[in-house]
Amino acid sequence: MAHKGFTIWFTGLSGAGKSTLSEVIEQHLKERGRKVEVLDGDIVRTHLSKGLGFSREDRDTNIKRIAFVCSLLTRNDVICISAAISPYREARQWAREQIGNFVEVYVKCSIEVCRQRDVKGLYKLVDEGKLKGFTGVDDPYEEPEHPELVVETDQESVEESVRRIFAKLEELGYLEPEAQEMHEDDARVVTEPPQGDRKPPQGDRKGSPLLYSRLARRGRV
C-alpha cells in the first residue's frame, strides 16, 4: 500500500497531553519509515502566528494557518501532527474540510488534573489574576462532538493512549498493521527517563497525572 499523507489533529486543554503524545507518535511513525511533521501550538505561535493574540478571531486565524500548512504537507504524503488547543468547533471543522485526510483526537483530561500538571505555570498565573482569557477557565473550550478518537489522559497511561491511536489509524486505513503488536516497552524508549534518573513512583499508577507531567520536560503537555 502506497504511503498517503494524513493529519492527526490533537485538541484539548492546556496540560492535557497533546505535546507528549505528539512526540511519542512522531518517533514511532519515523521508525516505520514515514515522513512526519509536528506543528506544536507553542512553537507555531512563536513563528507562523507570531503577533497574534488570544481573541476568538486571532485564535481562529492561528488554527487556519496551522490547517493550511497541514493541508499542503498532507497532500504531499507527509503525516502531520497538530498539537494546539484549538478550542472552537467551527475552526476545527474548517480545518477538517481543508485537509481532507483528517483524524481528530480529543485529548480529554479534567481541568483539575491539568492544573496539577501545570508544566509552564500558566494555571498559577490565571489563579493569581495575571493571565486572562485562558481556555477552560475564563474562555470556553468546545468539546468535539464526533472525533475519530477520545483518549482520556487522566485515566490511561501514555502507552495505552499511543496504542489506541495507532489502532485507530490502522482501522481507518492510514497505516498498515505492524507485524508485531507494539508493547509498552516500545513507548518507554521515548517517554521514560534513564534508569539512573528515575525517582520512586510515590503512588504513581496507571494513567496517573504524574506520568504525563513527568514527560513534558520541554513545554506544556
Protein backbone atom coordinates (compact mmCIF):
# COMPACT_ATOMS: atom_id res chain seq x y z
CA MET A 1 0.00 0.00 0.00
CA ALA A 2 1.38 3.38 -1.02
CA HIS A 3 2.03 5.75 1.85
CA LYS A 4 -0.55 8.51 1.94
CA GLY A 5 -0.47 11.68 3.95
CA PHE A 6 -2.93 12.48 6.70
CA THR A 7 -3.24 14.80 9.67
CA ILE A 8 -3.64 13.82 13.30
CA TRP A 9 -5.38 16.80 14.88
CA PHE A 10 -4.98 16.78 18.65
CA THR A 11 -7.30 19.07 20.57
CA GLY A 12 -7.68 19.55 24.31
CA LEU A 13 -6.97 21.78 27.26
CA SER A 14 -3.54 23.12 28.12
CA GLY A 15 -1.77 20.37 30.04
CA ALA A 16 -3.94 17.56 28.65
CA GLY A 17 -1.04 15.73 26.97
CA LYS A 18 -1.08 16.85 23.33
CA SER A 19 2.64 17.61 23.00
CA THR A 20 3.66 14.49 24.91
CA LEU A 21 1.59 12.25 22.65
CA SER A 22 2.84 14.07 19.55
CA GLU A 23 6.46 13.43 20.45
CA VAL A 24 5.93 9.72 21.10
CA ILE A 25 3.83 9.17 17.99
CA GLU A 26 6.27 11.11 15.83
CA GLN A 27 9.11 8.81 16.81
CA HIS A 28 7.10 5.63 16.23
CA LEU A 29 5.98 6.84 12.80
CA LYS A 30 9.55 7.67 11.84
CA GLU A 31 10.59 4.20 12.95
CA ARG A 32 8.05 2.92 10.41
CA GLY A 33 9.81 4.95 7.73
CA ARG A 34 7.18 7.67 7.42
CA LYS A 35 7.70 11.38 6.82
CA VAL A 36 6.31 13.30 9.78
CA GLU A 37 5.97 16.95 10.75
CA VAL A 38 4.68 18.22 14.10
CA LEU A 39 3.02 21.62 14.42
CA ASP A 40 3.07 22.29 18.15
CA GLY A 41 0.84 25.12 19.31
CA ASP A 42 3.52 26.90 21.34
CA ILE A 43 6.10 26.72 18.56
CA VAL A 44 3.62 27.86 15.90
CA ARG A 45 2.80 30.94 17.95
CA THR A 46 6.47 31.96 18.12
CA HIS A 47 6.93 31.68 14.34
CA LEU A 48 3.99 31.19 11.99
CA SER A 49 1.50 33.05 14.19
CA LYS A 50 3.81 35.48 15.93
CA GLY A 51 1.95 38.63 16.91
CA LEU A 52 -1.49 37.05 17.17
CA GLY A 53 -3.36 37.45 20.44
CA PHE A 54 -5.98 35.26 22.08
CA SER A 55 -9.22 36.83 20.91
CA ARG A 56 -11.57 34.44 19.14
CA GLU A 57 -10.62 35.97 15.79
CA ASP A 58 -6.89 35.55 16.46
CA ARG A 59 -7.35 32.01 17.75
CA ASP A 60 -9.26 31.10 14.60
CA THR A 61 -6.58 32.70 12.41
CA ASN A 62 -3.94 30.66 14.21
CA ILE A 63 -5.86 27.43 13.58
CA LYS A 64 -6.43 28.30 9.93
CA ARG A 65 -2.70 28.86 9.44
CA ILE A 66 -1.91 25.51 11.02
CA ALA A 67 -4.56 23.83 8.88
CA PHE A 68 -3.17 25.42 5.71
CA VAL A 69 0.31 24.06 6.39
CA CYS A 70 -1.13 20.65 7.26
CA SER A 71 -3.14 20.56 4.04
CA LEU A 72 -0.05 21.31 1.92
CA LEU A 73 2.03 18.64 3.62
CA THR A 74 -0.77 16.05 3.73
CA ARG A 75 -1.38 16.22 0.00
CA ASN A 76 2.34 15.59 -0.49
CA ASP A 77 2.16 12.34 1.50
CA VAL A 78 3.52 13.72 4.77
CA ILE A 79 1.93 12.82 8.10
CA CYS A 80 1.14 15.98 10.05
CA ILE A 81 0.52 16.13 13.77
CA SER A 82 -1.18 19.28 15.02
CA ALA A 83 -0.91 19.82 18.77
CA ALA A 84 -2.79 23.02 19.53
CA ILE A 85 -5.67 23.63 21.92
CA SER A 86 -7.97 24.63 19.01
CA PRO A 87 -10.88 25.38 21.33
CA TYR A 88 -13.66 26.11 18.83
CA ARG A 89 -15.63 23.52 16.86
CA GLU A 90 -16.18 25.78 13.87
CA ALA A 91 -12.44 26.30 13.34
CA ARG A 92 -11.75 22.57 13.74
CA GLN A 93 -14.46 21.78 11.18
CA TRP A 94 -12.87 24.29 8.80
CA ALA A 95 -9.54 22.51 9.27
CA ARG A 96 -11.17 19.13 8.60
CA GLU A 97 -12.70 20.36 5.34
CA GLN A 98 -9.44 21.95 4.17
CA ILE A 99 -7.22 18.99 4.97
CA GLY A 100 -9.37 16.03 3.94
CA ASN A 101 -7.43 13.13 5.46
CA PHE A 102 -8.16 14.30 8.98
CA VAL A 103 -8.15 12.35 12.24
CA GLU A 104 -9.44 14.37 15.18
CA VAL A 105 -8.20 13.06 18.52
CA TYR A 106 -9.72 14.63 21.60
CA VAL A 107 -7.08 14.57 24.34
CA LYS A 108 -9.51 14.61 27.23
CA CYS A 109 -8.35 15.48 30.72
CA SER A 110 -10.10 17.06 33.67
CA ILE A 111 -9.26 20.66 34.44
CA GLU A 112 -8.21 19.54 37.94
CA VAL A 113 -5.53 17.22 36.59
CA CYS A 114 -4.38 19.82 34.04
CA ARG A 115 -3.92 22.23 36.94
CA GLN A 116 -1.86 19.64 38.83
CA ARG A 117 0.47 19.18 35.86
CA ASP A 118 0.75 22.93 35.04
CA VAL A 119 4.13 22.41 33.36
CA LYS A 120 4.61 26.08 32.44
CA GLY A 121 2.85 27.61 35.43
CA LEU A 122 0.03 29.03 33.33
CA TYR A 123 -2.79 27.94 35.61
CA LYS A 124 -0.92 29.51 38.52
CA LEU A 125 -0.81 32.80 36.62
CA VAL A 126 -4.54 32.54 36.00
CA ASP A 127 -5.19 31.96 39.70
CA GLU A 128 -3.05 34.99 40.54
CA GLY A 129 -5.04 37.14 38.15
CA LYS A 130 -2.04 37.69 35.88
CA LEU A 131 -3.45 35.85 32.85
CA LYS A 132 -6.91 36.40 31.39
CA GLY A 133 -8.88 34.66 28.67
CA PHE A 134 -7.40 31.25 29.44
CA THR A 135 -9.10 28.31 27.74
CA GLY A 136 -11.09 26.13 30.10
CA VAL A 137 -11.03 28.69 32.91
CA ASP A 138 -12.43 32.02 31.73
CA ASP A 139 -12.55 31.30 27.99
CA PRO A 140 -14.61 28.45 26.51
CA TYR A 141 -13.40 25.10 25.24
CA GLU A 142 -15.91 23.41 22.96
CA GLU A 143 -15.52 19.65 23.24
CA PRO A 144 -15.53 17.72 19.96
CA GLU A 145 -18.89 16.14 19.21
CA HIS A 146 -17.74 13.45 16.77
CA PRO A 147 -13.95 12.97 16.98
CA GLU A 148 -12.39 9.90 15.46
CA LEU A 149 -10.98 9.04 18.88
CA VAL A 150 -11.05 10.19 22.51
CA VAL A 151 -8.05 9.44 24.73
CA GLU A 152 -8.54 10.13 28.43
CA THR A 153 -5.09 11.02 29.66
CA ASP A 154 -6.14 11.31 33.29
CA GLN A 155 -7.37 7.71 33.15
CA GLU A 156 -4.87 5.92 30.90
CA SER A 157 -1.10 5.83 30.51
CA VAL A 158 0.82 7.32 27.61
CA GLU A 159 1.45 3.80 26.31
CA GLU A 160 -2.27 2.99 26.32
CA SER A 161 -3.15 6.23 24.54
CA VAL A 162 -0.46 5.65 21.90
CA ARG A 163 -1.64 2.08 21.25
CA ARG A 164 -5.22 3.23 20.86
CA ILE A 165 -4.22 5.99 18.42
CA PHE A 166 -2.22 3.59 16.26
CA ALA A 167 -5.07 1.07 16.32
CA LYS A 168 -7.46 3.77 15.08
CA LEU A 169 -5.07 4.84 12.30
CA GLU A 170 -4.84 1.22 11.17
CA GLU A 171 -8.62 0.81 11.38
CA LEU A 172 -9.11 3.90 9.20
CA GLY A 173 -6.63 2.58 6.64
CA TYR A 174 -3.98 5.26 7.11
CA LEU A 175 -1.41 2.77 8.41
CA GLU A 176 -0.74 -0.87 7.74
CA PRO A 177 -0.83 -3.08 10.85
CA GLU A 178 2.60 -3.88 12.20
CA ALA A 179 3.75 -7.49 12.18
CA GLN A 180 4.03 -7.43 15.93
CA GLU A 181 1.89 -5.50 18.36
CA MET A 182 3.60 -2.53 20.00
CA HIS A 183 4.42 -3.28 23.60
CA GLU A 184 4.60 -0.85 26.48
CA ASP A 185 8.40 -1.00 26.49
CA ASP A 186 8.43 0.45 22.96
CA ALA A 187 6.82 3.65 24.15
CA ARG A 188 9.02 3.80 27.23
CA VAL A 189 12.06 4.19 24.97
CA VAL A 190 10.73 7.67 24.29
CA THR A 191 8.73 8.51 27.36
CA GLU A 192 10.69 7.43 30.40
CA PRO A 193 13.99 8.84 31.68
CA PRO A 194 17.11 6.69 32.01
CA GLN A 195 17.04 4.16 34.85
CA GLY A 196 19.53 6.08 36.97
CA ASP A 197 17.45 9.27 36.74
CA ARG A 198 14.15 7.78 37.84
CA LYS A 199 12.60 8.70 41.15
CA PRO A 200 10.49 6.41 43.31
CA PRO A 201 6.92 6.27 41.99
CA GLN A 202 5.36 7.69 45.18
CA GLY A 203 1.92 6.38 44.45
CA ASP A 204 2.12 6.73 40.69
CA ARG A 205 -0.39 4.47 38.99
CA LYS A 206 -1.56 3.63 35.52
CA GLY A 207 -2.91 6.80 33.98
CA SER A 208 -1.61 8.97 36.80
CA PRO A 209 -1.17 12.68 36.01
CA LEU A 210 2.39 12.24 37.29
CA LEU A 211 3.22 10.25 34.17
CA TYR A 212 2.25 12.97 31.69
CA SER A 213 3.71 15.83 33.73
CA ARG A 214 6.97 13.94 34.16
CA LEU A 215 7.33 13.55 30.42
CA ALA A 216 6.71 17.16 29.44
CA ARG A 217 10.21 18.47 30.01
CA ARG A 218 10.29 20.84 27.03
CA GLY A 219 7.00 22.68 27.40
CA ARG A 220 3.39 22.17 28.23
CA VAL A 221 1.78 18.81 27.51
